[in-house]
Amino acid sequence: MALVLVAVLLGLWMAREPLGEQISHGTERARLLDQAQRALNAGELSREDGRGARELYLAVLALDPDHQAARQGVADTGRAALAEAERASAQGETARAEAMLQLARELNVPEHELARVQAVRAQRDGDDEADLGNLLARIQNTRRGRTASEAMPLLLPLYAQALELAPDHLLVLTSRSRLLGEVLDEAGRDIAAGDLDAAHDKIELVAEVDSAHAALPGVRGRLSEARQQQAARRPPPPSPAIPLPPPVRPRRLRRLLCRRIPSRHRRRHPAFPRHSASRCWPASMRHWRARPCSTRPVTVPGTACGCCAPEPRRTRASSTPSGASATAPVVVSNSTW
């Protein structure tokens, strides 16, 4: 009995390392299977970092080639890739459809299922080619007989439809680039003719369609230079006009009589200075010292002396020859002449 127990213990001791490895491998397989199932449910069929469903299921098969759950997971991943290829082909995603078909082939999807999806895709591609040919013919007919700027609003929707069917179609891209270049050429001719606003509109239209067009920076530079030259040639704005004072209607003068400013008139009119020679008097009434008054009556303000009465004043008749009337008093206003 003791010998049997010793033999059992010796066998367990010799098998301890493979048993540990088996337990460790079982834990690793369970972890990889769980990650693979989550990746498959999330639609991550294949990833470059090794975290896709295909890579994880193949890692489980590398640990245990006969693992049934891993084999079933690989088959499920292949069918999911085929369904994704069919969906991408229906939506016109050519690159995605081709990648999913290749993944389905690598996962050993049955050939008849692959052939069915390829036939549907070929038929759709044929329809797309026919539609693309019709669009190219419409583009050519629309362009005929019109300038580039006139045809551009009509052609842009057609180019958009063509690029939706074939995003990398070289003929469509070349035709659109040639149209944009012709519009920029028209903008350059507008700049040379001085029509800067029309040139600006055409440049902005091209920039909205293709901001990386090769000829766009050069035409924009020419437009900026032309605007600077136009601003330099423009005359400066006129200075604001100085308003003239309103005209003063002259009052009718009477005959002037010198040295007739009674003191009562000065007291009655406090606006007049006390002294008749003060500088507060108007200019026409301040020159009496420089030019003494004469006894001759005057009627022009510039010839009047500064001692003229501001109000009419009747005087007694002086000694005059018979038949002559007395000199009439006059009034000089201090208004501006």
Protein backbone atom coordinates (compact mmCIF):
# COMPACT_ATOMS: atom_id res chain seq x y z
CA MET A 1 0.00 0.00 0.00
CA ALA A 2 2.80 2.34 0.84
CA LEU A 3 4.48 1.54 -2.44
CA VAL A 4 1.31 2.40 -4.38
CA LEU A 5 1.00 5.75 -2.61
CA VAL A 6 4.62 6.57 -3.35
CA ALA A 7 4.15 5.69 -7.01
CA VAL A 8 1.09 7.96 -7.28
CA LEU A 9 2.90 10.87 -5.66
CA LEU A 10 5.89 10.35 -7.92
CA GLY A 11 3.65 10.39 -11.00
CA LEU A 12 1.96 13.58 -9.89
CA TRP A 13 5.31 15.18 -9.25
CA MET A 14 6.55 14.27 -12.71
CA ALA A 15 3.35 15.55 -14.38
CA ARG A 16 3.13 18.79 -12.43
CA GLU A 17 4.62 20.97 -15.21
CA PRO A 18 2.37 19.78 -18.13
CA LEU A 19 -0.67 20.07 -15.85
CA GLY A 20 0.21 23.69 -15.06
CA GLU A 21 0.67 24.41 -18.71
CA GLN A 22 -2.71 22.91 -19.51
CA ILE A 23 -4.42 25.03 -16.87
CA SER A 24 -2.62 28.14 -18.14
CA HIS A 25 -3.50 27.40 -21.78
CA GLY A 26 -7.14 26.83 -20.86
CA THR A 27 -7.33 30.23 -19.19
CA GLU A 28 -5.65 31.92 -22.18
CA ARG A 29 -8.03 30.25 -24.65
CA ALA A 30 -11.06 31.37 -22.66
CA ARG A 31 -9.77 34.93 -22.59
CA LEU A 32 -9.05 34.97 -26.35
CA LEU A 33 -12.44 33.47 -27.18
CA ASP A 34 -14.20 36.13 -25.13
CA GLN A 35 -12.28 38.93 -26.87
CA ALA A 36 -12.92 37.39 -30.31
CA GLN A 37 -16.65 37.17 -29.67
CA ARG A 38 -16.80 40.82 -28.58
CA ALA A 39 -14.86 41.90 -31.68
CA LEU A 40 -17.21 39.91 -33.94
CA ASN A 41 -20.27 41.48 -32.33
CA ALA A 42 -18.74 44.96 -32.78
CA GLY A 43 -18.11 44.35 -36.49
CA GLU A 44 -14.30 44.41 -36.12
CA LEU A 45 -13.67 41.46 -38.39
CA SER A 46 -9.98 42.15 -38.97
CA ARG A 47 -7.51 44.64 -37.51
CA GLU A 48 -3.86 45.32 -38.17
CA ASP A 49 -3.02 45.37 -34.44
CA GLY A 50 -4.23 41.77 -34.01
CA ARG A 51 -7.39 42.66 -32.09
CA GLY A 52 -9.85 41.67 -34.81
CA ALA A 53 -12.13 38.64 -34.67
CA ARG A 54 -10.17 36.71 -37.30
CA GLU A 55 -6.82 37.21 -35.56
CA LEU A 56 -8.16 36.24 -32.11
CA TYR A 57 -9.88 33.06 -33.34
CA LEU A 58 -6.73 32.02 -35.20
CA ALA A 59 -4.73 32.59 -32.01
CA VAL A 60 -7.02 30.15 -30.18
CA LEU A 61 -6.57 27.60 -32.97
CA ALA A 62 -2.81 28.04 -32.69
CA LEU A 63 -3.06 26.92 -29.04
CA ASP A 64 -5.57 24.16 -29.75
CA PRO A 65 -6.07 23.22 -33.45
CA ASP A 66 -9.08 21.09 -32.60
CA HIS A 67 -10.96 23.73 -30.61
CA GLN A 68 -14.53 23.60 -31.91
CA ALA A 69 -15.63 27.02 -30.65
CA ALA A 70 -12.67 28.66 -32.40
CA ARG A 71 -13.44 26.85 -35.68
CA GLN A 72 -17.07 27.98 -35.48
CA GLY A 73 -15.92 31.53 -34.76
CA VAL A 74 -13.75 31.54 -37.90
CA ALA A 75 -16.73 30.40 -40.01
CA ASP A 76 -18.96 33.08 -38.45
CA THR A 77 -16.33 35.71 -39.21
CA GLY A 78 -16.21 34.62 -42.87
CA ARG A 79 -19.99 34.88 -43.27
CA ALA A 80 -19.95 38.32 -41.61
CA ALA A 81 -17.26 39.44 -44.06
CA LEU A 82 -19.36 38.24 -46.99
CA ALA A 83 -22.42 40.13 -45.71
CA GLU A 84 -20.34 43.28 -45.27
CA ALA A 85 -19.03 42.94 -48.83
CA GLU A 86 -22.59 42.71 -50.15
CA ARG A 87 -23.65 45.79 -48.16
CA ALA A 88 -20.64 47.85 -49.29
CA SER A 89 -21.22 46.88 -52.92
CA ALA A 90 -24.86 47.97 -52.70
CA GLN A 91 -23.83 51.36 -51.31
CA GLY A 92 -21.11 51.90 -53.92
CA GLU A 93 -18.17 51.45 -51.52
CA THR A 94 -15.97 49.64 -53.99
CA ALA A 95 -12.79 49.46 -51.90
CA ARG A 96 -14.62 48.21 -48.80
CA ALA A 97 -16.48 45.55 -50.80
CA GLU A 98 -13.27 44.26 -52.38
CA ALA A 99 -11.50 44.06 -48.99
CA MET A 100 -14.36 42.11 -47.41
CA LEU A 101 -14.52 39.67 -50.33
CA GLN A 102 -10.81 38.99 -49.95
CA LEU A 103 -11.27 38.38 -46.21
CA ALA A 104 -14.10 35.93 -46.91
CA ARG A 105 -11.87 33.97 -49.34
CA GLU A 106 -9.10 33.76 -46.74
CA LEU A 107 -11.57 32.38 -44.17
CA ASN A 108 -12.65 29.60 -46.58
CA VAL A 109 -16.18 30.80 -47.29
CA PRO A 110 -17.87 28.45 -49.82
CA GLU A 111 -17.23 29.43 -53.43
CA HIS A 112 -20.88 29.47 -54.46
CA GLU A 113 -21.62 32.16 -51.86
CA LEU A 114 -18.64 34.20 -53.06
CA ALA A 115 -19.78 33.82 -56.68
CA ARG A 116 -23.27 35.07 -55.83
CA VAL A 117 -21.96 38.28 -54.26
CA GLN A 118 -19.46 38.81 -57.08
CA ALA A 119 -22.21 38.47 -59.69
CA VAL A 120 -24.37 41.06 -57.96
CA ARG A 121 -21.39 43.37 -57.68
CA ALA A 122 -20.47 42.96 -61.35
CA GLN A 123 -24.02 43.75 -62.43
CA ARG A 124 -24.06 46.84 -60.26
CA ASP A 125 -20.68 47.90 -61.60
CA GLY A 126 -22.00 47.50 -65.12
CA ASP A 127 -24.98 49.68 -64.32
CA ASP A 128 -22.67 52.24 -62.77
CA GLU A 129 -20.47 52.23 -65.86
CA ALA A 130 -23.53 52.84 -68.03
CA ASP A 131 -24.66 55.67 -65.79
CA LEU A 132 -21.16 57.12 -65.81
CA GLY A 133 -21.07 57.03 -69.61
CA ASN A 134 -24.39 58.86 -69.77
CA LEU A 135 -23.11 61.50 -67.35
CA LEU A 136 -19.96 62.06 -69.40
CA ALA A 137 -22.06 62.51 -72.54
CA ARG A 138 -24.30 65.03 -70.74
CA ILE A 139 -21.22 66.90 -69.53
CA GLN A 140 -19.89 67.16 -73.06
CA ASN A 141 -23.22 68.36 -74.48
CA THR A 142 -23.69 70.93 -71.72
CA ARG A 143 -20.20 72.34 -72.22
CA ARG A 144 -20.67 72.83 -75.95
CA GLY A 145 -21.49 76.43 -77.00
CA ARG A 146 -21.00 78.00 -73.55
CA THR A 147 -18.16 79.79 -71.87
CA ALA A 148 -16.55 78.18 -68.86
CA SER A 149 -18.16 80.56 -66.37
CA GLU A 150 -21.60 80.07 -67.97
CA ALA A 151 -21.35 76.27 -68.05
CA MET A 152 -19.84 75.84 -64.59
CA PRO A 153 -23.11 76.10 -62.56
CA LEU A 154 -24.66 73.49 -64.88
CA LEU A 155 -21.70 71.12 -64.90
CA LEU A 156 -20.89 70.99 -61.19
CA PRO A 157 -23.94 68.81 -60.28
CA LEU A 158 -23.06 66.41 -63.12
CA TYR A 159 -19.46 66.15 -61.93
CA ALA A 160 -20.70 65.45 -58.38
CA GLN A 161 -22.89 62.57 -59.61
CA ALA A 162 -20.06 61.12 -61.67
CA LEU A 163 -17.60 61.26 -58.76
CA GLU A 164 -20.18 59.62 -56.51
CA LEU A 165 -20.27 56.65 -58.87
CA ALA A 166 -16.51 56.59 -59.43
CA PRO A 167 -14.60 58.72 -56.89
CA ASP A 168 -11.20 58.10 -58.53
CA HIS A 169 -12.26 58.22 -62.17
CA LEU A 170 -9.38 59.94 -63.98
CA LEU A 171 -11.42 61.24 -66.91
CA VAL A 172 -13.97 62.95 -64.64
CA LEU A 173 -11.31 64.54 -62.45
CA THR A 174 -9.34 65.76 -65.47
CA SER A 175 -12.42 67.25 -67.12
CA ARG A 176 -13.41 69.12 -63.95
CA SER A 177 -9.88 70.44 -63.42
CA ARG A 178 -9.78 71.69 -67.02
CA LEU A 179 -13.10 73.51 -66.53
CA LEU A 180 -11.84 75.22 -63.36
CA GLY A 181 -8.66 76.28 -65.16
CA GLU A 182 -10.69 77.89 -67.96
CA VAL A 183 -12.76 79.81 -65.40
CA LEU A 184 -9.54 81.12 -63.83
CA ASP A 185 -8.32 82.16 -67.29
CA GLU A 186 -11.50 84.20 -67.71
CA ALA A 187 -10.85 85.78 -64.31
CA GLY A 188 -7.37 86.77 -65.49
CA ARG A 189 -8.83 88.45 -68.58
CA ASP A 190 -11.30 90.32 -66.36
CA ILE A 191 -8.40 91.57 -64.24
CA ALA A 192 -6.61 92.83 -67.35
CA ALA A 193 -9.81 94.61 -68.45
CA GLY A 194 -10.27 96.25 -65.04
CA ASP A 195 -13.40 94.32 -64.03
CA LEU A 196 -12.09 93.28 -60.62
CA ASP A 197 -15.48 92.42 -59.10
CA ALA A 198 -16.29 89.84 -61.79
CA ALA A 199 -12.80 88.36 -61.43
CA HIS A 200 -13.25 88.08 -57.66
CA ASP A 201 -16.58 86.22 -58.05
CA LYS A 202 -15.06 83.67 -60.45
CA ILE A 203 -12.03 83.09 -58.23
CA GLU A 204 -14.20 82.46 -55.18
CA LEU A 205 -16.40 80.05 -57.16
CA VAL A 206 -13.36 78.00 -58.16
CA ALA A 207 -12.04 78.07 -54.57
CA GLU A 208 -15.31 76.60 -53.28
CA VAL A 209 -15.03 73.64 -55.67
CA ASP A 210 -11.27 72.99 -55.46
CA SER A 211 -9.29 75.14 -53.04
CA ALA A 212 -6.06 73.31 -53.97
CA HIS A 213 -6.19 74.12 -57.69
CA ALA A 214 -2.70 74.80 -59.03
CA ALA A 215 -3.57 78.07 -60.81
CA LEU A 216 -5.57 79.58 -57.94
CA PRO A 217 -2.73 81.30 -55.97
CA GLY A 218 -1.34 83.03 -59.06
CA VAL A 219 -4.69 84.52 -60.10
CA ARG A 220 -5.37 85.66 -56.54
CA GLY A 221 -2.00 87.42 -56.47
CA ARG A 222 -2.79 89.24 -59.73
CA LEU A 223 -6.14 90.35 -58.33
CA SER A 224 -4.54 91.73 -55.16
CA GLU A 225 -1.91 93.61 -57.16
CA ALA A 226 -4.55 95.09 -59.47
CA ARG A 227 -6.56 96.32 -56.48
CA GLN A 228 -3.50 98.01 -55.00
CA GLN A 229 -2.78 99.77 -58.30
CA GLN A 230 -6.39 100.88 -58.58
CA ALA A 231 -6.30 102.30 -55.06
CA ALA A 232 -3.07 104.18 -55.85
CA ARG A 233 -4.61 105.77 -58.98
CA ARG A 234 -7.77 106.86 -57.20
CA PRO A 235 -7.71 110.63 -56.36
CA PRO A 236 -7.93 111.62 -52.72
CA PRO A 237 -11.38 112.48 -51.44
CA PRO A 238 -12.22 116.20 -51.59
CA SER A 239 -11.93 118.17 -48.41
CA PRO A 240 -15.21 119.29 -46.89
CA ALA A 241 -16.34 122.68 -48.14
CA ILE A 242 -16.22 125.55 -45.67
CA PRO A 243 -19.69 127.08 -45.42
CA LEU A 244 -19.87 130.72 -46.35
CA PRO A 245 -21.63 133.16 -44.07
CA PRO A 246 -25.12 134.04 -45.13
CA PRO A 247 -25.33 137.21 -47.17
CA VAL A 248 -26.37 140.36 -45.34
CA ARG A 249 -28.76 142.58 -47.09
CA PRO A 250 -27.48 146.15 -46.82
CA ARG A 251 -29.77 148.70 -45.37
CA ARG A 252 -30.61 151.74 -47.33
CA LEU A 253 -28.40 154.64 -46.31
CA ARG A 254 -29.32 158.14 -45.92
CA ARG A 255 -27.04 161.04 -46.42
CA LEU A 256 -24.30 161.14 -43.84
CA LEU A 257 -23.44 164.09 -41.70
CA CYS A 258 -20.21 164.20 -39.74
CA ARG A 259 -19.70 165.02 -36.09
CA ARG A 260 -23.31 164.52 -35.04
CA ILE A 261 -23.24 161.98 -32.17
CA PRO A 262 -25.06 163.62 -29.28
CA SER A 263 -24.30 162.36 -25.80
CA ARG A 264 -27.92 161.45 -25.22
CA HIS A 265 -27.76 158.99 -28.09
CA ARG A 266 -24.76 157.31 -26.57
CA ARG A 267 -26.51 157.05 -23.25
CA ARG A 268 -29.63 155.74 -24.92
CA HIS A 269 -27.68 153.02 -26.73
CA PRO A 270 -25.34 151.37 -24.19
CA ALA A 271 -24.08 148.98 -26.84
CA PHE A 272 -22.16 151.86 -28.37
CA PRO A 273 -18.88 152.74 -26.61
CA ARG A 274 -18.52 156.00 -24.78
CA HIS A 275 -15.67 157.24 -26.92
CA SER A 276 -16.22 157.52 -30.62
CA ALA A 277 -12.59 156.64 -31.36
CA SER A 278 -12.75 153.29 -29.49
CA ARG A 279 -11.82 150.11 -31.40
CA CYS A 280 -15.21 148.68 -30.56
CA TRP A 281 -16.73 150.80 -33.27
CA PRO A 282 -17.24 149.25 -36.70
CA ALA A 283 -14.39 149.64 -39.14
CA SER A 284 -16.33 152.06 -41.29
CA MET A 285 -16.80 154.33 -38.25
CA ARG A 286 -13.26 154.19 -36.86
CA HIS A 287 -11.28 156.04 -39.47
CA TRP A 288 -12.21 159.61 -38.67
CA ARG A 289 -8.82 160.49 -37.21
CA ALA A 290 -6.93 159.07 -40.15
CA ARG A 291 -9.24 160.87 -42.54
CA PRO A 292 -10.88 163.95 -41.07
CA CYS A 293 -14.50 164.52 -41.76
CA SER A 294 -15.52 166.84 -44.48
CA THR A 295 -18.59 168.92 -44.57
CA ARG A 296 -19.57 167.29 -47.81
CA PRO A 297 -22.42 164.77 -47.37
CA VAL A 298 -21.52 161.20 -48.46
CA THR A 299 -23.67 158.21 -49.24
CA VAL A 300 -21.08 155.39 -49.49
CA PRO A 301 -20.13 153.65 -46.23
CA GLY A 302 -16.47 153.38 -47.16
CA THR A 303 -16.17 157.18 -47.45
CA ALA A 304 -18.02 157.92 -44.23
CA CYS A 305 -16.15 159.14 -41.21
CA GLY A 306 -16.42 157.64 -37.74
CA CYS A 307 -18.40 160.41 -36.16
CA CYS A 308 -21.71 159.87 -37.90
CA ALA A 309 -24.87 159.81 -35.89
CA PRO A 310 -26.51 156.40 -35.26
CA GLU A 311 -29.98 157.86 -35.38
CA PRO A 312 -31.61 160.63 -37.37
CA ARG A 313 -31.57 163.97 -35.72
CA ARG A 314 -33.25 167.08 -36.88
CA THR A 315 -31.13 170.21 -36.69
CA ARG A 316 -32.00 173.76 -37.00
CA ALA A 317 -31.67 175.24 -40.40
CA SER A 318 -28.17 176.60 -40.92
CA SER A 319 -27.24 179.58 -42.92
CA THR A 320 -27.61 178.39 -46.46
CA PRO A 321 -28.14 180.17 -49.70
CA SER A 322 -31.67 181.06 -50.52
CA GLY A 323 -33.58 178.24 -52.12
CA ALA A 324 -31.37 175.51 -50.57
CA SER A 325 -32.81 173.19 -48.00
CA ALA A 326 -31.17 172.25 -44.74
CA THR A 327 -28.93 169.20 -44.61
CA ALA A 328 -30.93 166.10 -43.62
CA PRO A 329 -29.68 164.00 -40.74
CA VAL A 330 -28.64 160.41 -41.50
CA VAL A 331 -28.49 157.11 -39.69
CA VAL A 332 -25.52 154.71 -39.75
CA SER A 333 -26.11 151.24 -38.42
CA ASN A 334 -23.33 149.20 -36.82
CA SER A 335 -24.27 146.18 -38.90
CA THR A 336 -21.61 144.53 -41.04
CA TRP A 337 -21.39 145.72 -44.64
